[in-house]
C-alpha atoms as a PDB file:
ATOM      1  CA  MET A   1      19.159   5.673  41.250  1.00  0.00           C
ATOM      2  CA  VAL A   2      20.705   5.033  37.852  1.00  0.00           C
ATOM      3  CA  MET A   3      17.586   6.016  35.974  1.00  0.00           C
ATOM      4  CA  ALA A   4      17.443   9.216  38.014  1.00  0.00           C
ATOM      5  CA  LEU A   5      20.176  10.568  35.761  1.00  0.00           C
ATOM      6  CA  LEU A   6      17.835  10.832  32.783  1.00  0.00           C
ATOM      7  CA  GLY A   7      17.459  14.451  31.728  1.00  0.00           C
ATOM      8  CA  LYS A   8      20.031  15.684  34.265  1.00  0.00           C
ATOM      9  CA  SER A   9      22.802  18.196  33.553  1.00  0.00           C
ATOM     10  CA  ASP A  10      26.465  17.310  34.074  1.00  0.00           C
ATOM     11  CA  ASP A  11      26.454  19.076  37.483  1.00  0.00           C
ATOM     12  CA  ASP A  12      23.342  17.187  38.532  1.00  0.00           C
ATOM     13  CA  MET A  13      24.959  13.928  37.423  1.00  0.00           C
ATOM     14  CA  GLU A  14      27.933  14.543  39.744  1.00  0.00           C
ATOM     15  CA  THR A  15      25.590  15.238  42.677  1.00  0.00           C
ATOM     16  CA  VAL A  16      23.554  12.104  42.052  1.00  0.00           C
ATOM     17  CA  ALA A  17      26.718  10.043  41.589  1.00  0.00           C
ATOM     18  CA  SER A  18      28.087  11.274  44.940  1.00  0.00           C
ATOM     19  CA  GLU A  19      24.808  10.383  46.622  1.00  0.00           C
ATOM     20  CA  PHE A  20      24.972   6.949  45.001  1.00  0.00           C
ATOM     21  CA  VAL A  21      28.454   6.318  46.404  1.00  0.00           C
ATOM     22  CA  SER A  22      27.695   7.569  49.918  1.00  0.00           C
ATOM     23  CA  ARG A  23      24.519   5.526  50.146  1.00  0.00           C
ATOM     24  CA  TYR A  24      25.627   2.202  48.659  1.00  0.00           C
ATOM     25  CA  PHE A  25      29.409   2.068  49.004  1.00  0.00           C
ATOM     26  CA  ASP A  26      30.959   1.415  52.446  1.00  0.00           C
ATOM     27  CA  PRO A  27      34.777   1.872  52.414  1.00  0.00           C
ATOM     28  CA  SER A  28      35.097  -0.226  55.596  1.00  0.00           C
ATOM     29  CA  LYS A  29      33.803  -3.315  53.763  1.00  0.00           C
ATOM     30  CA  GLY A  30      36.079  -3.148  50.843  1.00  0.00           C
ATOM     31  CA  ALA A  31      39.088  -1.143  49.920  1.00  0.00           C
ATOM     32  CA  ALA A  32      38.038   1.633  47.623  1.00  0.00           C
ATOM     33  CA  THR A  33      38.423   4.999  49.369  1.00  0.00           C
ATOM     34  CA  ASN A  34      41.492   6.051  51.286  1.00  0.00           C
ATOM     35  CA  THR A  35      40.915   9.456  52.883  1.00  0.00           C
ATOM     36  CA  SER A  36      44.525   9.785  53.805  1.00  0.00           C
ATOM     37  CA  SER A  37      45.657   9.185  50.264  1.00  0.00           C
ATOM     38  CA  SER A  38      47.166  12.046  48.359  1.00  0.00           C
ATOM     39  CA  VAL A  39      45.502  10.868  45.110  1.00  0.00           C
ATOM     40  CA  ALA A  40      43.274  13.579  43.679  1.00  0.00           C
ATOM     41  CA  PRO A  41      39.538  12.796  43.183  1.00  0.00           C
ATOM     42  CA  ASP A  42      39.849  13.257  39.436  1.00  0.00           C
ATOM     43  CA  ASP A  43      42.682  10.737  39.216  1.00  0.00           C
ATOM     44  CA  VAL A  44      40.495   7.919  37.853  1.00  0.00           C
ATOM     45  CA  ALA A  45      41.108   4.412  36.552  1.00  0.00           C
ATOM     46  CA  THR A  46      40.609   3.741  32.851  1.00  0.00           C
ATOM     47  CA  PRO A  47      36.987   2.534  32.488  1.00  0.00           C
ATOM     48  CA  ASP A  48      35.935  -0.496  30.514  1.00  0.00           C
ATOM     49  CA  SER A  49      33.819   0.901  27.634  1.00  0.00           C
ATOM     50  CA  SER A  50      31.970  -2.389  27.144  1.00  0.00           C
ATOM     51  CA  SER A  51      30.972  -2.868  30.760  1.00  0.00           C
ATOM     52  CA  GLY A  52      27.533  -1.939  32.072  1.00  0.00           C
ATOM     53  CA  MET A  53      28.681  -2.086  35.693  1.00  0.00           C
ATOM     54  CA  VAL A  54      29.422   1.087  37.646  1.00  0.00           C
ATOM     55  CA  GLN A  55      33.175   1.574  38.107  1.00  0.00           C
ATOM     56  CA  PHE A  56      34.951   3.733  40.662  1.00  0.00           C
ATOM     57  CA  SER A  57      38.165   5.714  40.822  1.00  0.00           C
ATOM     58  CA  SER A  58      40.763   5.075  43.519  1.00  0.00           C
ATOM     59  CA  SER A  59      39.193   7.947  45.447  1.00  0.00           C
ATOM     60  CA  GLY A  60      35.752   6.351  45.376  1.00  0.00           C
ATOM     61  CA  HIS A  61      34.154   8.470  42.671  1.00  0.00           C
ATOM     62  CA  ALA A  62      31.795   6.761  40.212  1.00  0.00           C
ATOM     63  CA  ILE A  63      33.427   7.286  36.838  1.00  0.00           C
ATOM     64  CA  ASN A  64      31.120   5.563  34.323  1.00  0.00           C
ATOM     65  CA  ILE A  65      27.644   5.769  35.728  1.00  0.00           C
ATOM     66  CA  GLY A  66      26.521   7.514  32.522  1.00  0.00           C
ATOM     67  CA  ARG A  67      27.793   4.636  30.374  1.00  0.00           C
ATOM     68  CA  ALA A  68      26.150   2.090  32.657  1.00  0.00           C
ATOM     69  CA  THR A  69      22.838   3.895  32.292  1.00  0.00           C
ATOM     70  CA  VAL A  70      23.038   3.903  28.469  1.00  0.00           C
ATOM     71  CA  ILE A  71      23.927   0.200  28.389  1.00  0.00           C
ATOM     72  CA  GLU A  72      21.167  -0.592  30.873  1.00  0.00           C
ATOM     73  CA  ALA A  73      18.738   1.086  28.462  1.00  0.00           C
ATOM     74  CA  GLY A  74      19.657  -1.551  25.830  1.00  0.00           C
ATOM     75  CA  PHE A  75      22.287   0.254  23.759  1.00  0.00           C
ATOM     76  CA  LYS A  76      25.760  -1.072  22.958  1.00  0.00           C
ATOM     77  CA  VAL A  77      28.660  -0.376  20.618  1.00  0.00           C
ATOM     78  CA  GLY A  78      27.621  -1.416  17.106  1.00  0.00           C
ATOM     79  CA  SER A  79      23.907  -0.771  17.658  1.00  0.00           C
ATOM     80  CA  VAL A  80      22.077   1.103  14.911  1.00  0.00           C
ATOM     81  CA  ILE A  81      19.822   3.850  16.184  1.00  0.00           C
ATOM     82  CA  GLY A  82      17.375   6.464  14.962  1.00  0.00           C
ATOM     83  CA  LEU A  83      15.224   9.219  16.384  1.00  0.00           C
ATOM     84  CA  LYS A  84      12.130   8.123  18.271  1.00  0.00           C
ATOM     85  CA  LYS A  85       9.932  10.333  16.142  1.00  0.00           C
ATOM     86  CA  ALA A  86      11.169   8.825  12.846  1.00  0.00           C
ATOM     87  CA  ASP A  87       9.048   6.430  10.801  1.00  0.00           C
ATOM     88  CA  GLU A  88      10.979   3.154  10.617  1.00  0.00           C
ATOM     89  CA  SER A  89       9.480   2.317   7.229  1.00  0.00           C
ATOM     90  CA  SER A  90      10.821   5.524   5.660  1.00  0.00           C
ATOM     91  CA  MET A  91      14.366   6.452   4.676  1.00  0.00           C
ATOM     92  CA  ALA A  92      14.830   8.137   8.062  1.00  0.00           C
ATOM     93  CA  LYS A  93      18.324   9.046   9.196  1.00  0.00           C
ATOM     94  CA  GLN A  94      20.236   6.336  11.039  1.00  0.00           C
ATOM     95  CA  TRP A  95      23.483   6.176  13.018  1.00  0.00           C
ATOM     96  CA  GLN A  96      25.723   3.431  14.369  1.00  0.00           C
ATOM     97  CA  ILE A  97      27.132   3.644  17.886  1.00  0.00           C
ATOM     98  CA  ILE A  98      30.937   3.513  17.833  1.00  0.00           C
ATOM     99  CA  SER A  99      31.587   4.318  21.502  1.00  0.00           C
ATOM    100  CA  ILE A 100      29.723   4.983  24.755  1.00  0.00           C
ATOM    101  CA  ASN A 101      31.715   7.329  26.944  1.00  0.00           C
ATOM    102  CA  ALA A 102      31.972   7.210  30.733  1.00  0.00           C
ATOM    103  CA  ASN A 103      29.821  10.340  31.148  1.00  0.00           C
ATOM    104  CA  GLY A 104      27.031   8.771  29.031  1.00  0.00           C
ATOM    105  CA  SER A 105      27.680  10.717  25.848  1.00  0.00           C
ATOM    106  CA  VAL A 106      27.603   8.617  22.674  1.00  0.00           C
ATOM    107  CA  ASP A 107      29.759   8.854  19.547  1.00  0.00           C
ATOM    108  CA  LEU A 108      28.122   7.881  16.274  1.00  0.00           C
ATOM    109  CA  HIS A 109      28.847   7.190  12.610  1.00  0.00           C
ATOM    110  CA  ASN A 110      26.245   8.090   9.991  1.00  0.00           C
ATOM    111  CA  VAL A 111      24.521   5.234   8.175  1.00  0.00           C
ATOM    112  CA  ASN A 112      24.351   6.023   4.464  1.00  0.00           C
ATOM    113  CA  ARG A 113      21.222   5.643   2.340  1.00  0.00           C
ATOM    114  CA  ASP A 114      22.510   2.340   0.989  1.00  0.00           C
ATOM    115  CA  GLY A 115      23.047   0.933   4.491  1.00  0.00           C
ATOM    116  CA  SER A 116      26.831   1.322   4.508  1.00  0.00           C
ATOM    117  CA  ILE A 117      28.610   3.057   7.384  1.00  0.00           C
ATOM    118  CA  ASP A 118      30.204   6.467   6.833  1.00  0.00           C
ATOM    119  CA  THR A 119      33.384   6.333   8.903  1.00  0.00           C
ATOM    120  CA  SER A 120      34.650   9.722   7.709  1.00  0.00           C
ATOM    121  CA  THR A 121      32.682  11.720  10.287  1.00  0.00           C
ATOM    122  CA  ILE A 122      31.826  11.295  13.961  1.00  0.00           C
ATOM    123  CA  VAL A 123      28.698  12.738  15.585  1.00  0.00           C
ATOM    124  CA  SER A 124      28.600  13.122  19.390  1.00  0.00           C
ATOM    125  CA  VAL A 125      25.339  13.178  21.371  1.00  0.00           C
ATOM    126  CA  ALA A 126      25.192  14.256  25.019  1.00  0.00           C
ATOM    127  CA  PHE A 127      23.854  11.810  27.614  1.00  0.00           C
ATOM    128  CA  SER A 128      20.854  14.019  28.430  1.00  0.00           C
ATOM    129  CA  ASP A 129      19.871  14.287  24.750  1.00  0.00           C
ATOM    130  CA  PHE A 130      20.491  10.649  23.926  1.00  0.00           C
ATOM    131  CA  LEU A 131      18.088   9.181  26.511  1.00  0.00           C
ATOM    132  CA  LYS A 132      15.377  11.807  26.289  1.00  0.00           C
ATOM    133  CA  GLU A 133      11.881  10.424  26.736  1.00  0.00           C
ATOM    134  CA  SER A 134      10.585  12.850  24.118  1.00  0.00           C
ATOM    135  CA  SER A 135      10.487  12.214  20.399  1.00  0.00           C
ATOM    136  CA  SER A 136      13.901  13.842  19.991  1.00  0.00           C
ATOM    137  CA  GLY A 137      15.522  10.980  21.903  1.00  0.00           C
ATOM    138  CA  TYR A 138      17.022   7.893  20.299  1.00  0.00           C
ATOM    139  CA  ARG A 139      15.903   4.296  19.957  1.00  0.00           C
ATOM    140  CA  LEU A 140      17.217   1.058  18.491  1.00  0.00           C
ATOM    141  CA  VAL A 141      16.255   0.466  14.845  1.00  0.00           C
ATOM    142  CA  VAL A 142      16.875  -2.162  12.177  1.00  0.00           C
ATOM    143  CA  GLN A 143      19.835  -1.187  10.007  1.00  0.00           C
ATOM    144  CA  ARG A 144      18.834  -0.183   6.501  1.00  0.00           C
ATOM    145  CA  GLU A 145      19.626  -2.752   3.792  1.00  0.00           C
ATOM    146  CA  LEU A 146      19.111  -2.341   0.049  1.00  0.00           C
ATOM    147  CA  ASP A 147      18.635  -5.003  -2.601  1.00  0.00           C
ATOM    148  CA  ASP A 148      22.020  -5.213  -4.320  1.00  0.00           C
ATOM    149  CA  ARG A 149      20.892  -7.306  -7.269  1.00  0.00           C
ATOM    150  CA  GLN A 150      21.519  -5.954 -10.771  1.00  0.00           C
ATOM    151  CA  PRO A 151      18.680  -4.777 -13.063  1.00  0.00           C
ATOM    152  CA  MET A 152      17.031  -7.624 -14.962  1.00  0.00           C
ATOM    153  CA  ARG A 153      17.780  -5.907 -18.259  1.00  0.00           C
ATOM    154  CA  GLU A 154      21.491  -6.537 -17.550  1.00  0.00           C
ATOM    155  CA  ASN A 155      20.913 -10.266 -17.048  1.00  0.00           C
ATOM    156  CA  PRO A 156      23.081 -12.136 -19.615  1.00  0.00           C
ATOM    157  CA  ASP A 157      20.401 -14.836 -19.836  1.00  0.00           C
ATOM    158  CA  LEU A 158      17.961 -12.213 -21.082  1.00  0.00           C
ATOM    159  CA  THR A 159      20.450 -11.164 -23.766  1.00  0.00           C
ATOM    160  CA  VAL A 160      20.769 -14.785 -24.884  1.00  0.00           C
ATOM    161  CA  ASP A 161      16.970 -15.106 -25.066  1.00  0.00           C
ATOM    162  CA  LEU A 162      16.764 -11.925 -27.150  1.00  0.00           C
ATOM    163  CA  HIS A 163      19.373 -13.300 -29.555  1.00  0.00           C
ATOM    164  CA  LYS A 164      17.411 -16.538 -29.790  1.00  0.00           C
ATOM    165  CA  ALA A 165      14.339 -14.485 -30.657  1.00  0.00           C
ATOM    166  CA  PHE A 166      16.281 -12.860 -33.509  1.00  0.00           C
ATOM    167  CA  ILE A 167      17.317 -16.318 -34.727  1.00  0.00           C
ATOM    168  CA  ILE A 168      13.728 -17.570 -34.639  1.00  0.00           C
ATOM    169  CA  SER A 169      12.640 -14.460 -36.540  1.00  0.00           C
ATOM    170  CA  ALA A 170      15.298 -15.025 -39.210  1.00  0.00           C
ATOM    171  CA  MET A 171      14.358 -18.710 -39.440  1.00  0.00           C
ATOM    172  CA  HIS A 172      10.720 -17.828 -39.897  1.00  0.00           C
ATOM    173  CA  ARG A 173      11.569 -15.371 -42.690  1.00  0.00           C
ATOM    174  CA  LEU A 174      13.626 -17.973 -44.568  1.00  0.00           C
ATOM    175  CA  MET A 175      10.935 -20.605 -44.094  1.00  0.00           C
ATOM    176  CA  LYS A 176       8.387 -18.329 -45.785  1.00  0.00           C
ATOM    177  CA  MET A 177      10.722 -17.955 -48.757  1.00  0.00           C
ATOM    178  CA  SER A 178      11.370 -21.673 -49.259  1.00  0.00           C
ATOM    179  CA  ALA A 179       9.166 -24.647 -49.940  1.00  0.00           C
ATOM    180  CA  THR A 180       8.775 -27.432 -47.413  1.00  0.00           C
ATOM    181  CA  TRP A 181      11.400 -30.156 -47.742  1.00  0.00           C
ATOM    182  CA  ALA A 182       8.676 -32.750 -48.384  1.00  0.00           C
ATOM    183  CA  ASP A 183       8.245 -31.286 -51.883  1.00  0.00           C
ATOM    184  CA  LYS A 184      11.916 -31.812 -52.770  1.00  0.00           C
ATOM    185  CA  PHE A 185      13.350 -34.571 -50.616  1.00  0.00           C
ATOM    186  CA  ARG A 186      12.550 -38.102 -49.569  1.00  0.00           C
ATOM    187  CA  ILE A 187      13.923 -39.610 -46.356  1.00  0.00           C
ATOM    188  CA  GLN A 188      14.588 -43.317 -46.573  1.00  0.00           C
ATOM    189  CA  THR A 189      14.957 -45.286 -43.337  1.00  0.00           C
ATOM    190  CA  LYS A 190      15.383 -48.876 -44.683  1.00  0.00           C
ATOM    191  CA  PRO A 191      17.253 -50.821 -45.922  1.00  0.00           C
ATOM    192  CA  THR A 192      19.728 -47.963 -45.395  1.00  0.00           C
ATOM    193  CA  LYS A 193      19.230 -44.465 -44.084  1.00  0.00           C
ATOM    194  CA  ALA A 194      19.490 -41.870 -46.860  1.00  0.00           C
ATOM    195  CA  VAL A 195      18.069 -38.581 -48.091  1.00  0.00           C
ATOM    196  CA  MET A 196      17.102 -38.580 -51.778  1.00  0.00           C
ATOM    197  CA  VAL A 197      16.229 -35.736 -54.107  1.00  0.00           C
ATOM    198  CA  ILE A 198      12.781 -36.263 -55.664  1.00  0.00           C
ATOM    199  CA  SER A 199      13.417 -34.593 -59.018  1.00  0.00           C
ATOM    200  CA  ASP A 200      16.279 -33.189 -61.108  1.00  0.00           C
ATOM    201  CA  ALA A 201      17.896 -30.022 -59.734  1.00  0.00           C
ATOM    202  CA  ALA A 202      20.558 -27.736 -61.184  1.00  0.00           C
ATOM    203  CA  VAL A 203      23.627 -26.703 -59.211  1.00  0.00           C
ATOM    204  CA  GLY A 204      22.765 -24.144 -56.533  1.00  0.00           C
ATOM    205  CA  CYS A 205      19.020 -24.594 -56.984  1.00  0.00           C
ATOM    206  CA  LEU A 206      18.394 -27.279 -54.378  1.00  0.00           C
ATOM    207  CA  LYS A 207      18.438 -25.892 -50.822  1.00  0.00           C
ATOM    208  CA  MET A 208      17.812 -27.229 -47.350  1.00  0.00           C
ATOM    209  CA  LEU A 209      16.922 -24.959 -44.441  1.00  0.00           C
ATOM    210  CA  PRO A 210      17.835 -26.374 -41.011  1.00  0.00           C
ATOM    211  CA  VAL A 211      14.858 -25.771 -38.726  1.00  0.00           C
ATOM    212  CA  ALA A 212      14.619 -26.286 -34.974  1.00  0.00           C
ATOM    213  CA  THR A 213      12.638 -25.080 -32.003  1.00  0.00           C
ATOM    214  CA  GLN A 214      14.066 -22.583 -29.525  1.00  0.00           C
ATOM    215  CA  THR A 215      15.231 -25.416 -27.279  1.00  0.00           C
ATOM    216  CA  GLY A 216      17.501 -26.536 -30.104  1.00  0.00           C
ATOM    217  CA  ILE A 217      19.344 -23.194 -30.165  1.00  0.00           C
ATOM    218  CA  ARG A 218      22.368 -23.172 -27.888  1.00  0.00           C
ATOM    219  CA  ARG A 219      24.759 -20.322 -27.225  1.00  0.00           C
ATOM    220  CA  LEU A 220      28.446 -21.160 -27.630  1.00  0.00           C
ATOM    221  CA  ASP A 221      30.805 -19.556 -25.152  1.00  0.00           C
ATOM    222  CA  PRO A 222      33.738 -17.523 -26.506  1.00  0.00           C
ATOM    223  CA  GLY A 223      36.670 -19.832 -27.120  1.00  0.00           C
ATOM    224  CA  GLU A 224      34.518 -22.957 -26.959  1.00  0.00           C
ATOM    225  CA  PRO A 225      35.475 -25.503 -29.670  1.00  0.00           C
ATOM    226  CA  VAL A 226      32.859 -25.585 -32.414  1.00  0.00           C
ATOM    227  CA  THR A 227      31.815 -29.162 -33.095  1.00  0.00           C
ATOM    228  CA  ASP A 228      28.295 -28.433 -34.303  1.00  0.00           C
ATOM    229  CA  ARG A 229      27.712 -28.554 -38.058  1.00  0.00           C
ATOM    230  CA  PHE A 230      25.033 -25.865 -38.125  1.00  0.00           C
ATOM    231  CA  THR A 231      26.103 -22.618 -36.468  1.00  0.00           C
ATOM    232  CA  ILE A 232      24.390 -19.238 -36.361  1.00  0.00           C
ATOM    233  CA  THR A 233      26.057 -15.894 -35.747  1.00  0.00           C
ATOM    234  CA  VAL A 234      24.128 -12.945 -34.353  1.00  0.00           C
ATOM    235  CA  VAL A 235      25.796  -9.569 -34.968  1.00  0.00           C
ATOM    236  CA  ASP A 236      24.278  -7.033 -32.583  1.00  0.00           C
ATOM    237  CA  SER A 237      23.898  -3.292 -33.133  1.00  0.00           C
ATOM    238  CA  ASP A 238      27.385  -2.720 -31.671  1.00  0.00           C
ATOM    239  CA  ASP A 239      28.938  -5.148 -34.185  1.00  0.00           C
ATOM    240  CA  PHE A 240      29.647  -7.779 -31.520  1.00  0.00           C
ATOM    241  CA  GLU A 241      29.267 -11.348 -32.757  1.00  0.00           C
ATOM    242  CA  HIS A 242      27.481 -14.028 -30.711  1.00  0.00           C
ATOM    243  CA  LEU A 243      27.787 -17.639 -31.852  1.00  0.00           C
ATOM    244  CA  PHE A 244      25.013 -20.211 -31.496  1.00  0.00           C
ATOM    245  CA  ALA A 245      24.645 -23.869 -32.467  1.00  0.00           C
ATOM    246  CA  LEU A 246      21.501 -25.340 -34.014  1.00  0.00           C
ATOM    247  CA  SER A 247      20.376 -28.882 -33.276  1.00  0.00           C
ATOM    248  CA  THR A 248      17.193 -30.931 -33.374  1.00  0.00           C
ATOM    249  CA  PRO A 249      16.405 -33.452 -30.644  1.00  0.00           C
ATOM    250  CA  GLY A 250      14.967 -36.785 -31.682  1.00  0.00           C
ATOM    251  CA  SER A 251      11.196 -36.816 -32.157  1.00  0.00           C
ATOM    252  CA  LYS A 252       8.717 -39.488 -33.160  1.00  0.00           C
ATOM    253  CA  LYS A 253       6.453 -36.995 -34.901  1.00  0.00           C
ATOM    254  CA  PHE A 254       8.733 -34.451 -36.556  1.00  0.00           C
ATOM    255  CA  VAL A 255      12.003 -34.517 -38.469  1.00  0.00           C
ATOM    256  CA  ASP A 256      14.171 -32.016 -40.352  1.00  0.00           C
ATOM    257  CA  VAL A 257      15.941 -33.270 -43.433  1.00  0.00           C
ATOM    258  CA  ALA A 258      19.124 -31.252 -42.873  1.00  0.00           C
ATOM    259  CA  PHE A 259      19.816 -33.054 -39.615  1.00  0.00           C
ATOM    260  CA  VAL A 260      19.397 -36.571 -41.018  1.00  0.00           C
ATOM    261  CA  CYS A 261      21.341 -35.983 -44.202  1.00  0.00           C
ATOM    262  CA  LYS A 262      24.663 -37.803 -44.492  1.00  0.00           C
ATOM    263  CA  PHE A 263      27.876 -35.826 -43.916  1.00  0.00           C
ATOM    264  CA  LEU A 264      31.137 -36.724 -45.578  1.00  0.00           C
ATOM    265  CA  ALA A 265      34.526 -35.042 -45.245  1.00  0.00           C
ATOM    266  CA  ASP A 266      35.242 -35.420 -48.943  1.00  0.00           C
ATOM    267  CA  THR A 267      34.467 -32.598 -51.326  1.00  0.00           C
ATOM    268  CA  ASP A 268      34.706 -34.859 -54.383  1.00  0.00           C
ATOM    269  CA  LYS A 269      32.048 -37.289 -53.103  1.00  0.00           C
ATOM    270  CA  SER A 270      29.667 -34.747 -51.566  1.00  0.00           C
ATOM    271  CA  ASN A 271      27.013 -32.869 -53.560  1.00  0.00           C
ATOM    272  CA  MET A 272      25.817 -30.316 -50.958  1.00  0.00           C
ATOM    273  CA  LYS A 273      27.573 -27.698 -48.837  1.00  0.00           C
ATOM    274  CA  ILE A 274      26.730 -25.363 -45.943  1.00  0.00           C
ATOM    275  CA  GLU A 275      26.519 -21.636 -46.598  1.00  0.00           C
ATOM    276  CA  HIS A 276      25.098 -18.759 -44.582  1.00  0.00           C
ATOM    277  CA  GLU A 277      22.569 -16.096 -45.487  1.00  0.00           C
ATOM    278  CA  ASN A 278      22.456 -12.749 -43.736  1.00  0.00           C
ATOM    279  CA  VAL A 279      19.016 -11.812 -42.468  1.00  0.00           C
ATOM    280  CA  ILE A 280      18.889  -8.224 -41.236  1.00  0.00           C
ATOM    281  CA  ILE A 281      16.259  -7.544 -38.609  1.00  0.00           C
ATOM    282  CA  LYS A 282      15.312  -4.049 -37.531  1.00  0.00           C
ATOM    283  CA  THR A 283      14.607  -3.740 -33.810  1.00  0.00           C
ATOM    284  CA  GLY A 284      14.238  -0.603 -31.725  1.00  0.00           C
ATOM    285  CA  GLY A 285      15.777   1.565 -34.427  1.00  0.00           C
ATOM    286  CA  PHE A 286      18.849  -0.670 -34.726  1.00  0.00           C
ATOM    287  CA  ASN A 287      19.812  -3.401 -37.146  1.00  0.00           C
ATOM    288  CA  VAL A 288      20.705  -6.899 -36.000  1.00  0.00           C
ATOM    289  CA  THR A 289      22.216  -9.340 -38.486  1.00  0.00           C
ATOM    290  CA  VAL A 290      21.593 -13.067 -38.216  1.00  0.00           C
ATOM    291  CA  LYS A 291      23.909 -15.290 -40.258  1.00  0.00           C
ATOM    292  CA  TYR A 292      21.721 -18.328 -40.767  1.00  0.00           C
ATOM    293  CA  PRO A 293      22.954 -21.654 -42.236  1.00  0.00           C
ATOM    294  CA  ILE A 294      21.497 -23.153 -45.402  1.00  0.00           C
ATOM    295  CA  VAL A 295      22.536 -26.235 -47.363  1.00  0.00           C
ATOM    296  CA  VAL A 296      22.989 -25.730 -51.122  1.00  0.00           C
ATOM    297  CA  SER A 297      23.638 -28.188 -53.948  1.00  0.00           C
ATOM    298  CA  THR A 298      27.127 -28.004 -55.461  1.00  0.00           C
ATOM    299  CA  VAL A 299      26.456 -30.077 -58.609  1.00  0.00           C
ATOM    300  CA  ASP A 300      23.617 -30.837 -60.996  1.00  0.00           C
ATOM    301  CA  LEU A 301      21.456 -33.532 -59.424  1.00  0.00           C
ATOM    302  CA  LYS A 302      19.339 -36.267 -60.985  1.00  0.00           C
ATOM    303  CA  ALA A 303      16.174 -37.592 -59.397  1.00  0.00           C
ATOM    304  CA  ASP A 304      16.697 -40.221 -56.671  1.00  0.00           C
ATOM    305  CA  THR A 305      20.287 -39.115 -56.040  1.00  0.00           C
ATOM    306  CA  GLU A 306      21.409 -39.510 -52.457  1.00  0.00           C
ATOM    307  CA  LEU A 307      22.376 -36.190 -50.910  1.00  0.00           C
ATOM    308  CA  VAL A 308      25.674 -35.882 -49.047  1.00  0.00           C
ATOM    309  CA  ILE A 309      26.809 -32.717 -47.298  1.00  0.00           C
ATOM    310  CA  ASP A 310      30.466 -31.692 -47.356  1.00  0.00           C
ATOM    311  CA  ASP A 311      31.558 -31.891 -43.735  1.00  0.00           C
ATOM    312  CA  CYS A 312      34.570 -29.652 -44.391  1.00  0.00           C
ATOM    313  CA  THR A 313      32.388 -26.599 -44.967  1.00  0.00           C
ATOM    314  CA  VAL A 314      31.450 -26.293 -41.322  1.00  0.00           C
ATOM    315  CA  LYS A 315      34.642 -24.330 -40.778  1.00  0.00           C
ATOM    316  CA  LYS A 316      33.969 -20.609 -40.878  1.00  0.00           C
ATOM    317  CA  ASP A 317      35.258 -18.898 -43.997  1.00  0.00           C
ATOM    318  CA  PRO A 318      35.501 -15.127 -43.354  1.00  0.00           C
ATOM    319  CA  LYS A 319      35.888 -14.425 -47.087  1.00  0.00           C
ATOM    320  CA  ARG A 320      32.743 -16.273 -48.089  1.00  0.00           C
ATOM    321  CA  LYS A 321      30.160 -14.023 -49.683  1.00  0.00           C
ATOM    322  CA  VAL A 322      26.671 -14.323 -48.328  1.00  0.00           C
ATOM    323  CA  ARG A 323      23.370 -13.111 -49.659  1.00  0.00           C
ATOM    324  CA  THR A 324      21.665 -10.551 -47.431  1.00  0.00           C
ATOM    325  CA  LEU A 325      17.949 -10.507 -46.678  1.00  0.00           C
ATOM    326  CA  HIS A 326      16.316  -7.510 -45.008  1.00  0.00           C
ATOM    327  CA  VAL A 327      13.483  -7.999 -42.532  1.00  0.00           C
ATOM    328  CA  GLY A 328      11.624  -4.882 -41.439  1.00  0.00           C
ATOM    329  CA  VAL A 329      14.233  -2.527 -42.932  1.00  0.00           C
ATOM    330  CA  ASP A 330      14.417  -0.818 -46.321  1.00  0.00           C
ATOM    331  CA  LYS A 331      17.531  -0.820 -48.478  1.00  0.00           C
ATOM    332  CA  GLN A 332      18.524   2.741 -47.569  1.00  0.00           C
ATOM    333  CA  GLN A 333      18.453   1.899 -43.868  1.00  0.00           C
ATOM    334  CA  ALA A 334      20.402  -1.287 -44.503  1.00  0.00           C
ATOM    335  CA  LYS A 335      23.186   0.713 -46.174  1.00  0.00           C
ATOM    336  CA  GLY A 336      23.399   3.087 -43.244  1.00  0.00           C
ATOM    337  CA  LYS A 337      25.462   0.758 -41.062  1.00  0.00           C
ATOM    338  CA  LYS A 338      28.301  -1.510 -42.008  1.00  0.00           C
ATOM    339  CA  VAL A 339      28.264  -4.880 -40.379  1.00  0.00           C
ATOM    340  CA  LYS A 340      31.456  -6.807 -39.824  1.00  0.00           C
ATOM    341  CA  HIS A 341      31.336 -10.319 -41.230  1.00  0.00           C
END
């Protein structure tokens, strides 16, 4: 009897509902209809919108048989629906049920393309249209959900890796311009650990280039205390500075002289200091500056002199002048953009 309402007009629904009451409801077996009552037939009780059971007014009229039919068909408040003819794999239009009325009509909110619910408008669908067997009827669907992750190009880890690539590029450029440390230095392990210069060297002529693999390059967070002796600053194309620390893990096969050299916080007793060279790298039409650390002799050195680096020079000196190297950019292009140091 309930399913007989499908495709019926409102007048037909009233006729079928009356037949339903007269056939299955016996007033003598339960108080529902009082023919002597002065209550009008349209004076109905407030129906429960969540109930799928048929409810009756005080005069015995079925007041929510349309709602019961919709709920019996599997729909409920909160369900997401679409047209039967729509392809579920496409971006077909969707709605969310916000109420199922007593007469079987359904009120809906639109589901936006991103899966969110548009509560600004309400769409009403008549009972006869909602449960049509044809393709213009409605069916339950899976609510649309979009991937809300950010583009990979905005991943901060990718930015860090790109900056590390610039550092490796600058390191490689400086390595090509300098001789290997084995030609200038000797590392002694016993009886005491020390780094010695092999031959005489004038002030400023002896240089060490700290070298490490990519795993030895670590980004320092803004505000993080700098305790590393060898730091690298990457100045991007927007003049933002990014600070990195350079270190070399212990290895049985390889060693870098700058990391085993002795450090001493005494300018008078040290004979080397840390400076930085600017290496300008052209990438994608923009210039990126890498301020790379080098160790330079501060006095004339005799052969077999132990090398000691001034530990006080690790503090950044904004007034220090640095020599600029250009990688993949001519001098005219280098002058086109001022870089803050």
